[in-house]
Structures are given as C-alpha cells and as structure tokens.
Amino acid sequence: MFETKAYSYGETKAARFRPHPFETNFSSIPTVFFTEQVMDDMYVLVDEAPDEISWLGLVKRIDNDFLVEEIFLVEQSCNAVTTEMSTDGLTKLYEELSKRKNGEKLVERLRFWGHSHHTMGTGPSGQDEDQMELFNECDYFIRAICNKEGRIELALFFNNGITIEDVPWTIWPEGKERRLKWKAEIKAKVKTHAYAPHTGRYEWPGYHGTFEDGEEDSGAKGNGVWNPDKGKS
C-alpha cells in the first residue's frame, strides 16, 4: 500500500464539487452518475479531512453508464500526500456488507475508490496508478480523485487493459429510478403491431357493446358510435 510520510496540510475549506470540461481519450464514452447523497458525503469527507483521505463505494451498472450509490469510510493512515487503507479496515467493511441482504453481491459491487488530493491537482500520481493494480481482477473499476478546489477527475478501468481517462460525471437525476422502472415495464409489456381500423366488438370488464360500422364517432376512438346496449341479449 502507500508509504506514509509525517507532514500535514492542516485545515482548508473545500469548495463544492462541480463538473469541468472533460478531456476524455475516447469518443464514445459512458457517464458516471452520483446520487445527491453520495456527492454530499464525498464533499464532507474532502472538506473535513486535514490531509488526503480515501473511501470506497458501491457501483451499479446501468446499460453503458455507472451509478455510485453509497460510499464507505475505511480505517486508514493519511498525510498530505498519501492515503493508505488498512487491511483490517477493508476486512471490516467486507464483513459489514456481507451481513446485509445479498451481502456477497454487495461486496462484488465495491467498484469505486475515491480519494482526495487536498488542494493539489486531480491528475493521478504514480502511486495512484500502482494502486489500481489491486483492483485488476474486477471487470471494471472507477477511480475518483477530488480536491478542495471543487474538482473531481474520474478514470474507468477495464480488466481488458482499456482505461478511459477523465470520464464525464454528473448528479443522478431525481426521478430517474422511476423512469427506468417504467421503461423496463414498457419494454416487457407493451408490443408494437401494424395499425388496422377496428370495426368489431370492444369489451372492457363490466362493459359490453359495439361500435357500428358507418356510424359517426361520438367521442370515443374507433370506427363508429359506442352503443352500450348493442350485443346484449
């Protein structure tokens, strides 16, 4: 892990995180989303920590994009230029997640490592690059480097050797979970077919009747007038 050196920046107020002009190295790229809660939590960690600080997070993959849903602070040793998460701290986090519902799957979703560079730039150090070798068994992993100037720089690593630098990020839109739910239900339950005018019998539970061919529409969509008595014996 990272070597610890004994000097500190001290207290510095952090700015709120804000997107910057992304300079990614790919033309077609995913977006990393953060929930508002995660964004607030990361800000507090960066703002309160007098030096560098690390955290891990749960990631949900949504089609080609990624959502960071929850973050965790692990026992660690930090100073002005390094942050080292302890083995015991990582073990405690794994045990904590394992006790939750679908715990093993949650542990597998720890695909996000965020850390602060305090007031320094958000470009990766050599140590940051070396750290990613610890996560190369995952099919993907996201690294975030933040600072007190309000900048977050993301990199997306795949185990096939591809790395996407400066991945765009944004806040998860309010209500998007509901939209995804209905989108999935539409896909599962709503089918498209060729249009053909209906001139026969329409039925709804508790109602019976027909639209008569050639008669004018009284407001209902169809090829005639709704006659609730038609068809009754």
C-alpha atoms as a PDB file:
ATOM      1  CA  MET A   1       0.000   0.000   0.000  1.00  0.00           C
ATOM      2  CA  PHE A   2       1.048   3.652   0.133  1.00  0.00           C
ATOM      3  CA  GLU A   3       4.023   4.807   2.160  1.00  0.00           C
ATOM      4  CA  THR A   4       3.087   7.229   4.955  1.00  0.00           C
ATOM      5  CA  LYS A   5       5.059  10.451   5.483  1.00  0.00           C
ATOM      6  CA  ALA A   6       4.657  12.578   8.580  1.00  0.00           C
ATOM      7  CA  TYR A   7       3.555  16.017   7.431  1.00  0.00           C
ATOM      8  CA  SER A   8       0.166  17.650   7.020  1.00  0.00           C
ATOM      9  CA  TYR A   9      -1.605  20.482   5.187  1.00  0.00           C
ATOM     10  CA  GLY A  10      -3.868  21.420   8.074  1.00  0.00           C
ATOM     11  CA  GLU A  11      -7.418  22.718   7.752  1.00  0.00           C
ATOM     12  CA  THR A  12      -8.563  24.173   4.426  1.00  0.00           C
ATOM     13  CA  LYS A  13     -12.172  24.854   3.455  1.00  0.00           C
ATOM     14  CA  ALA A  14     -13.322  22.858   0.421  1.00  0.00           C
ATOM     15  CA  ALA A  15     -15.391  24.175  -2.499  1.00  0.00           C
ATOM     16  CA  ARG A  16     -18.454  22.287  -3.686  1.00  0.00           C
ATOM     17  CA  PHE A  17     -17.764  19.818  -6.495  1.00  0.00           C
ATOM     18  CA  ARG A  18     -18.676  20.990  -9.988  1.00  0.00           C
ATOM     19  CA  PRO A  19     -18.201  19.469 -13.473  1.00  0.00           C
ATOM     20  CA  HIS A  20     -15.347  20.695 -15.647  1.00  0.00           C
ATOM     21  CA  PRO A  21     -14.702  20.489 -19.421  1.00  0.00           C
ATOM     22  CA  PHE A  22     -13.987  16.764 -19.701  1.00  0.00           C
ATOM     23  CA  GLU A  23     -10.992  15.792 -21.819  1.00  0.00           C
ATOM     24  CA  THR A  24     -11.537  12.074 -22.213  1.00  0.00           C
ATOM     25  CA  ASN A  25      -9.455   9.950 -24.548  1.00  0.00           C
ATOM     26  CA  PHE A  26     -12.471   8.168 -26.121  1.00  0.00           C
ATOM     27  CA  SER A  27     -15.132   9.497 -28.495  1.00  0.00           C
ATOM     28  CA  SER A  28     -17.969   7.258 -27.266  1.00  0.00           C
ATOM     29  CA  ILE A  29     -17.876   7.029 -23.506  1.00  0.00           C
ATOM     30  CA  PRO A  30     -20.103   6.230 -20.524  1.00  0.00           C
ATOM     31  CA  THR A  31     -21.174   8.646 -17.824  1.00  0.00           C
ATOM     32  CA  VAL A  32     -20.624   8.095 -14.123  1.00  0.00           C
ATOM     33  CA  PHE A  33     -23.565   9.247 -12.007  1.00  0.00           C
ATOM     34  CA  PHE A  34     -23.520  10.077  -8.302  1.00  0.00           C
ATOM     35  CA  THR A  35     -26.576  10.192  -6.105  1.00  0.00           C
ATOM     36  CA  GLU A  36     -27.017  13.516  -4.327  1.00  0.00           C
ATOM     37  CA  GLN A  37     -26.327  11.745  -1.039  1.00  0.00           C
ATOM     38  CA  VAL A  38     -23.016  10.350  -2.292  1.00  0.00           C
ATOM     39  CA  MET A  39     -21.995  13.724  -3.699  1.00  0.00           C
ATOM     40  CA  ASP A  40     -22.734  15.389  -0.350  1.00  0.00           C
ATOM     41  CA  ASP A  41     -20.908  12.640   1.543  1.00  0.00           C
ATOM     42  CA  MET A  42     -17.789  12.965  -0.612  1.00  0.00           C
ATOM     43  CA  TYR A  43     -17.813  16.731  -0.173  1.00  0.00           C
ATOM     44  CA  VAL A  44     -17.961  16.388   3.627  1.00  0.00           C
ATOM     45  CA  LEU A  45     -15.038  13.933   3.646  1.00  0.00           C
ATOM     46  CA  VAL A  46     -12.880  16.201   1.494  1.00  0.00           C
ATOM     47  CA  ASP A  47     -13.904  19.307   3.427  1.00  0.00           C
ATOM     48  CA  GLU A  48     -13.368  17.861   6.900  1.00  0.00           C
ATOM     49  CA  ALA A  49     -10.146  15.918   6.289  1.00  0.00           C
ATOM     50  CA  PRO A  50      -6.988  17.947   7.023  1.00  0.00           C
ATOM     51  CA  ASP A  51      -4.978  15.782   4.612  1.00  0.00           C
ATOM     52  CA  GLU A  52      -5.667  13.195   1.933  1.00  0.00           C
ATOM     53  CA  ILE A  53      -8.447  10.693   2.603  1.00  0.00           C
ATOM     54  CA  SER A  54      -9.815   7.567   0.867  1.00  0.00           C
ATOM     55  CA  TRP A  55     -13.217   5.908   0.605  1.00  0.00           C
ATOM     56  CA  LEU A  56     -14.804   3.031  -1.305  1.00  0.00           C
ATOM     57  CA  GLY A  57     -18.210   2.850  -2.969  1.00  0.00           C
ATOM     58  CA  LEU A  58     -20.925   0.596  -4.339  1.00  0.00           C
ATOM     59  CA  VAL A  59     -21.474   0.864  -8.086  1.00  0.00           C
ATOM     60  CA  LYS A  60     -24.481  -0.158 -10.140  1.00  0.00           C
ATOM     61  CA  ARG A  61     -24.025  -0.592 -13.872  1.00  0.00           C
ATOM     62  CA  ILE A  62     -26.929   0.735 -15.934  1.00  0.00           C
ATOM     63  CA  ASP A  63     -26.540  -0.134 -19.614  1.00  0.00           C
ATOM     64  CA  ASN A  64     -23.369   1.726 -20.633  1.00  0.00           C
ATOM     65  CA  ASP A  65     -23.341   4.033 -17.614  1.00  0.00           C
ATOM     66  CA  PHE A  66     -22.463   3.674 -13.940  1.00  0.00           C
ATOM     67  CA  LEU A  67     -24.139   4.865 -10.739  1.00  0.00           C
ATOM     68  CA  VAL A  68     -22.250   5.281  -7.453  1.00  0.00           C
ATOM     69  CA  GLU A  69     -24.949   4.597  -4.857  1.00  0.00           C
ATOM     70  CA  GLU A  70     -23.199   4.551  -1.476  1.00  0.00           C
ATOM     71  CA  ILE A  71     -19.724   5.206  -0.077  1.00  0.00           C
ATOM     72  CA  PHE A  72     -17.846   3.910   2.972  1.00  0.00           C
ATOM     73  CA  LEU A  73     -15.001   5.315   5.017  1.00  0.00           C
ATOM     74  CA  VAL A  74     -12.392   2.667   5.848  1.00  0.00           C
ATOM     75  CA  GLU A  75      -9.787   2.737   8.625  1.00  0.00           C
ATOM     76  CA  GLN A  76      -6.705   4.328   7.114  1.00  0.00           C
ATOM     77  CA  SER A  77      -3.492   6.235   7.673  1.00  0.00           C
ATOM     78  CA  CYS A  78      -3.101   9.538   5.818  1.00  0.00           C
ATOM     79  CA  ASN A  79      -0.943  12.626   5.468  1.00  0.00           C
ATOM     80  CA  ALA A  80      -0.546  15.482   2.999  1.00  0.00           C
ATOM     81  CA  VAL A  81       0.462  13.297   0.057  1.00  0.00           C
ATOM     82  CA  THR A  82      -0.641   9.724   0.788  1.00  0.00           C
ATOM     83  CA  THR A  83      -3.622   7.706   1.958  1.00  0.00           C
ATOM     84  CA  GLU A  84      -3.366   4.076   2.982  1.00  0.00           C
ATOM     85  CA  MET A  85      -6.434   1.962   3.784  1.00  0.00           C
ATOM     86  CA  SER A  86      -5.658  -0.733   6.318  1.00  0.00           C
ATOM     87  CA  THR A  87      -6.187  -4.429   5.666  1.00  0.00           C
ATOM     88  CA  ASP A  88      -8.206  -4.686   8.888  1.00  0.00           C
ATOM     89  CA  GLY A  89     -10.367  -1.777   7.787  1.00  0.00           C
ATOM     90  CA  LEU A  90     -11.099  -3.399   4.433  1.00  0.00           C
ATOM     91  CA  THR A  91     -11.922  -6.700   6.145  1.00  0.00           C
ATOM     92  CA  LYS A  92     -14.365  -4.945   8.488  1.00  0.00           C
ATOM     93  CA  LEU A  93     -16.113  -3.323   5.520  1.00  0.00           C
ATOM     94  CA  TYR A  94     -16.432  -6.668   3.713  1.00  0.00           C
ATOM     95  CA  GLU A  95     -17.875  -8.253   6.868  1.00  0.00           C
ATOM     96  CA  GLU A  96     -20.311  -5.371   7.335  1.00  0.00           C
ATOM     97  CA  LEU A  97     -21.591  -5.654   3.783  1.00  0.00           C
ATOM     98  CA  SER A  98     -21.791  -9.439   3.971  1.00  0.00           C
ATOM     99  CA  LYS A  99     -24.317  -9.142   6.807  1.00  0.00           C
ATOM    100  CA  ARG A 100     -26.703  -7.164   4.615  1.00  0.00           C
ATOM    101  CA  LYS A 101     -29.252  -8.687   2.292  1.00  0.00           C
ATOM    102  CA  ASN A 102     -27.468 -10.088  -0.787  1.00  0.00           C
ATOM    103  CA  GLY A 103     -24.228  -9.326   1.010  1.00  0.00           C
ATOM    104  CA  GLU A 104     -21.930 -11.249  -1.308  1.00  0.00           C
ATOM    105  CA  LYS A 105     -23.250  -9.348  -4.310  1.00  0.00           C
ATOM    106  CA  LEU A 106     -22.741  -6.060  -2.473  1.00  0.00           C
ATOM    107  CA  VAL A 107     -19.093  -6.902  -1.852  1.00  0.00           C
ATOM    108  CA  GLU A 108     -18.718  -7.615  -5.563  1.00  0.00           C
ATOM    109  CA  ARG A 109     -20.142  -4.169  -6.296  1.00  0.00           C
ATOM    110  CA  LEU A 110     -17.343  -2.367  -4.459  1.00  0.00           C
ATOM    111  CA  ARG A 111     -16.012  -0.947  -7.705  1.00  0.00           C
ATOM    112  CA  PHE A 112     -15.273   2.644  -6.698  1.00  0.00           C
ATOM    113  CA  TRP A 113     -12.246   4.137  -4.989  1.00  0.00           C
ATOM    114  CA  GLY A 114     -12.297   7.836  -4.242  1.00  0.00           C
ATOM    115  CA  HIS A 115      -9.635   9.902  -2.561  1.00  0.00           C
ATOM    116  CA  SER A 116      -8.638  13.496  -2.021  1.00  0.00           C
ATOM    117  CA  HIS A 117      -5.529  15.319  -3.232  1.00  0.00           C
ATOM    118  CA  HIS A 118      -6.333  18.115  -0.786  1.00  0.00           C
ATOM    119  CA  THR A 119      -5.511  21.394  -2.630  1.00  0.00           C
ATOM    120  CA  MET A 120      -3.281  19.733  -5.226  1.00  0.00           C
ATOM    121  CA  GLY A 121      -4.335  18.873  -8.793  1.00  0.00           C
ATOM    122  CA  THR A 122      -6.537  15.901  -9.609  1.00  0.00           C
ATOM    123  CA  GLY A 123      -4.167  14.215 -12.037  1.00  0.00           C
ATOM    124  CA  PRO A 124      -3.117  10.729 -10.866  1.00  0.00           C
ATOM    125  CA  SER A 125       0.205  10.184  -9.143  1.00  0.00           C
ATOM    126  CA  GLY A 126       2.400   7.181  -9.764  1.00  0.00           C
ATOM    127  CA  GLN A 127       1.099   5.740  -6.503  1.00  0.00           C
ATOM    128  CA  ASP A 128      -2.483   6.206  -7.725  1.00  0.00           C
ATOM    129  CA  GLU A 129      -1.679   4.233 -10.848  1.00  0.00           C
ATOM    130  CA  ASP A 130       0.010   1.482  -8.860  1.00  0.00           C
ATOM    131  CA  GLN A 131      -3.000   1.263  -6.548  1.00  0.00           C
ATOM    132  CA  MET A 132      -5.245   0.268  -9.449  1.00  0.00           C
ATOM    133  CA  GLU A 133      -3.293  -2.957  -9.866  1.00  0.00           C
ATOM    134  CA  LEU A 134      -5.003  -4.148  -6.677  1.00  0.00           C
ATOM    135  CA  PHE A 135      -8.357  -3.979  -8.464  1.00  0.00           C
ATOM    136  CA  ASN A 136      -7.410  -5.516 -11.802  1.00  0.00           C
ATOM    137  CA  GLU A 137      -9.373  -8.708 -11.102  1.00  0.00           C
ATOM    138  CA  CYS A 138     -12.627  -6.737 -11.426  1.00  0.00           C
ATOM    139  CA  ASP A 139     -14.128  -6.456 -14.892  1.00  0.00           C
ATOM    140  CA  TYR A 140     -14.290  -2.692 -14.287  1.00  0.00           C
ATOM    141  CA  PHE A 141     -13.312  -0.224 -11.583  1.00  0.00           C
ATOM    142  CA  ILE A 142     -13.765   3.527 -11.141  1.00  0.00           C
ATOM    143  CA  ARG A 143     -11.195   5.837  -9.569  1.00  0.00           C
ATOM    144  CA  ALA A 144     -12.073   9.343  -8.405  1.00  0.00           C
ATOM    145  CA  ILE A 145      -9.532  11.979  -7.452  1.00  0.00           C
ATOM    146  CA  CYS A 146     -11.011  15.028  -5.724  1.00  0.00           C
ATOM    147  CA  ASN A 147      -9.612  18.217  -4.264  1.00  0.00           C
ATOM    148  CA  LYS A 148     -10.699  21.143  -2.140  1.00  0.00           C
ATOM    149  CA  GLU A 149     -10.940  23.320  -5.241  1.00  0.00           C
ATOM    150  CA  GLY A 150     -14.183  21.513  -6.154  1.00  0.00           C
ATOM    151  CA  ARG A 151     -12.810  19.280  -8.895  1.00  0.00           C
ATOM    152  CA  ILE A 152     -13.413  15.552  -9.403  1.00  0.00           C
ATOM    153  CA  GLU A 153     -11.475  13.635 -12.045  1.00  0.00           C
ATOM    154  CA  LEU A 154     -12.597  10.095 -12.868  1.00  0.00           C
ATOM    155  CA  ALA A 155     -10.909   7.213 -14.630  1.00  0.00           C
ATOM    156  CA  LEU A 156     -12.649   3.993 -15.669  1.00  0.00           C
ATOM    157  CA  PHE A 157     -10.502   0.855 -15.773  1.00  0.00           C
ATOM    158  CA  PHE A 158     -11.452  -2.383 -17.545  1.00  0.00           C
ATOM    159  CA  ASN A 159      -9.678  -5.691 -16.997  1.00  0.00           C
ATOM    160  CA  ASN A 160      -9.018  -5.990 -20.746  1.00  0.00           C
ATOM    161  CA  GLY A 161      -6.446  -3.220 -20.383  1.00  0.00           C
ATOM    162  CA  ILE A 162      -8.608  -0.328 -21.593  1.00  0.00           C
ATOM    163  CA  THR A 163      -8.628   2.796 -19.433  1.00  0.00           C
ATOM    164  CA  ILE A 164     -10.905   5.773 -20.071  1.00  0.00           C
ATOM    165  CA  GLU A 165      -9.491   8.977 -18.609  1.00  0.00           C
ATOM    166  CA  ASP A 166     -11.455  11.981 -17.361  1.00  0.00           C
ATOM    167  CA  VAL A 167     -14.822  10.231 -17.611  1.00  0.00           C
ATOM    168  CA  PRO A 168     -17.809  12.636 -17.586  1.00  0.00           C
ATOM    169  CA  TRP A 169     -19.796  12.676 -14.359  1.00  0.00           C
ATOM    170  CA  THR A 170     -22.984  14.259 -13.141  1.00  0.00           C
ATOM    171  CA  ILE A 171     -25.667  14.020 -10.454  1.00  0.00           C
ATOM    172  CA  TRP A 172     -28.214  11.208 -10.833  1.00  0.00           C
ATOM    173  CA  PRO A 173     -31.423  12.982 -11.937  1.00  0.00           C
ATOM    174  CA  GLU A 174     -34.231  12.969  -9.419  1.00  0.00           C
ATOM    175  CA  GLY A 175     -36.898  10.523 -10.520  1.00  0.00           C
ATOM    176  CA  LYS A 176     -34.646   8.620 -12.926  1.00  0.00           C
ATOM    177  CA  GLU A 177     -35.124   5.377 -10.987  1.00  0.00           C
ATOM    178  CA  ARG A 178     -38.874   5.699 -11.612  1.00  0.00           C
ATOM    179  CA  ARG A 179     -38.263   6.353 -15.290  1.00  0.00           C
ATOM    180  CA  LEU A 180     -36.059   3.253 -15.556  1.00  0.00           C
ATOM    181  CA  LYS A 181     -38.750   1.196 -13.827  1.00  0.00           C
ATOM    182  CA  TRP A 182     -41.441   2.277 -16.270  1.00  0.00           C
ATOM    183  CA  LYS A 183     -39.065   1.970 -19.211  1.00  0.00           C
ATOM    184  CA  ALA A 184     -38.432  -1.667 -18.250  1.00  0.00           C
ATOM    185  CA  GLU A 185     -42.159  -2.357 -17.858  1.00  0.00           C
ATOM    186  CA  ILE A 186     -42.956  -0.776 -21.222  1.00  0.00           C
ATOM    187  CA  LYS A 187     -40.321  -2.965 -22.848  1.00  0.00           C
ATOM    188  CA  ALA A 188     -41.702  -6.092 -21.160  1.00  0.00           C
ATOM    189  CA  LYS A 189     -45.431  -5.468 -21.536  1.00  0.00           C
ATOM    190  CA  VAL A 190     -46.080  -3.154 -24.489  1.00  0.00           C
ATOM    191  CA  LYS A 191     -45.831  -4.572 -28.002  1.00  0.00           C
ATOM    192  CA  THR A 192     -45.980  -2.759 -31.326  1.00  0.00           C
ATOM    193  CA  HIS A 193     -48.133  -4.043 -34.169  1.00  0.00           C
ATOM    194  CA  ALA A 194     -49.362  -2.787 -37.517  1.00  0.00           C
ATOM    195  CA  TYR A 195     -52.354  -0.441 -37.303  1.00  0.00           C
ATOM    196  CA  ALA A 196     -55.695  -1.742 -38.577  1.00  0.00           C
ATOM    197  CA  PRO A 197     -59.050   0.065 -38.075  1.00  0.00           C
ATOM    198  CA  HIS A 198     -61.255  -1.798 -35.609  1.00  0.00           C
ATOM    199  CA  THR A 199     -64.868  -2.213 -36.701  1.00  0.00           C
ATOM    200  CA  GLY A 200     -65.951  -5.023 -34.444  1.00  0.00           C
ATOM    201  CA  ARG A 201     -66.787  -5.522 -30.815  1.00  0.00           C
ATOM    202  CA  TYR A 202     -64.949  -3.785 -27.941  1.00  0.00           C
ATOM    203  CA  GLU A 203     -65.140  -5.096 -24.432  1.00  0.00           C
ATOM    204  CA  TRP A 204     -63.905  -3.907 -21.042  1.00  0.00           C
ATOM    205  CA  PRO A 205     -64.525  -5.630 -17.721  1.00  0.00           C
ATOM    206  CA  GLY A 206     -68.117  -4.817 -16.721  1.00  0.00           C
ATOM    207  CA  TYR A 207     -68.979  -3.195 -20.059  1.00  0.00           C
ATOM    208  CA  HIS A 208     -70.246  -4.693 -23.295  1.00  0.00           C
ATOM    209  CA  GLY A 209     -71.133  -3.095 -26.572  1.00  0.00           C
ATOM    210  CA  THR A 210     -70.058  -2.490 -30.133  1.00  0.00           C
ATOM    211  CA  PHE A 211     -69.047   0.282 -32.483  1.00  0.00           C
ATOM    212  CA  GLU A 212     -71.332   0.230 -35.501  1.00  0.00           C
ATOM    213  CA  ASP A 213     -69.702   0.450 -38.920  1.00  0.00           C
ATOM    214  CA  GLY A 214     -70.518   3.585 -40.836  1.00  0.00           C
ATOM    215  CA  GLU A 215     -71.880   5.487 -37.838  1.00  0.00           C
ATOM    216  CA  GLU A 216     -70.255   8.711 -36.623  1.00  0.00           C
ATOM    217  CA  ASP A 217     -67.845   8.698 -33.705  1.00  0.00           C
ATOM    218  CA  SER A 218     -69.410  10.152 -30.576  1.00  0.00           C
ATOM    219  CA  GLY A 219     -66.025  10.934 -28.990  1.00  0.00           C
ATOM    220  CA  ALA A 220     -64.606   7.508 -28.340  1.00  0.00           C
ATOM    221  CA  LYS A 221     -61.723   6.405 -30.562  1.00  0.00           C
ATOM    222  CA  GLY A 222     -62.964   3.881 -33.062  1.00  0.00           C
ATOM    223  CA  ASN A 223     -64.750   3.464 -36.339  1.00  0.00           C
ATOM    224  CA  GLY A 224     -68.282   4.211 -35.151  1.00  0.00           C
ATOM    225  CA  VAL A 225     -70.538   5.126 -32.220  1.00  0.00           C
ATOM    226  CA  TRP A 226     -70.333   3.305 -28.880  1.00  0.00           C
ATOM    227  CA  ASN A 227     -73.619   1.516 -28.279  1.00  0.00           C
ATOM    228  CA  PRO A 228     -73.697   0.054 -24.754  1.00  0.00           C
ATOM    229  CA  ASP A 229     -76.919  -1.858 -25.458  1.00  0.00           C
ATOM    230  CA  LYS A 230     -75.689  -3.477 -28.641  1.00  0.00           C
ATOM    231  CA  GLY A 231     -74.906  -7.114 -28.189  1.00  0.00           C
ATOM    232  CA  LYS A 232     -76.965  -7.601 -25.032  1.00  0.00           C
ATOM    233  CA  SER A 233     -79.421 -10.460 -25.095  1.00  0.00           C
END
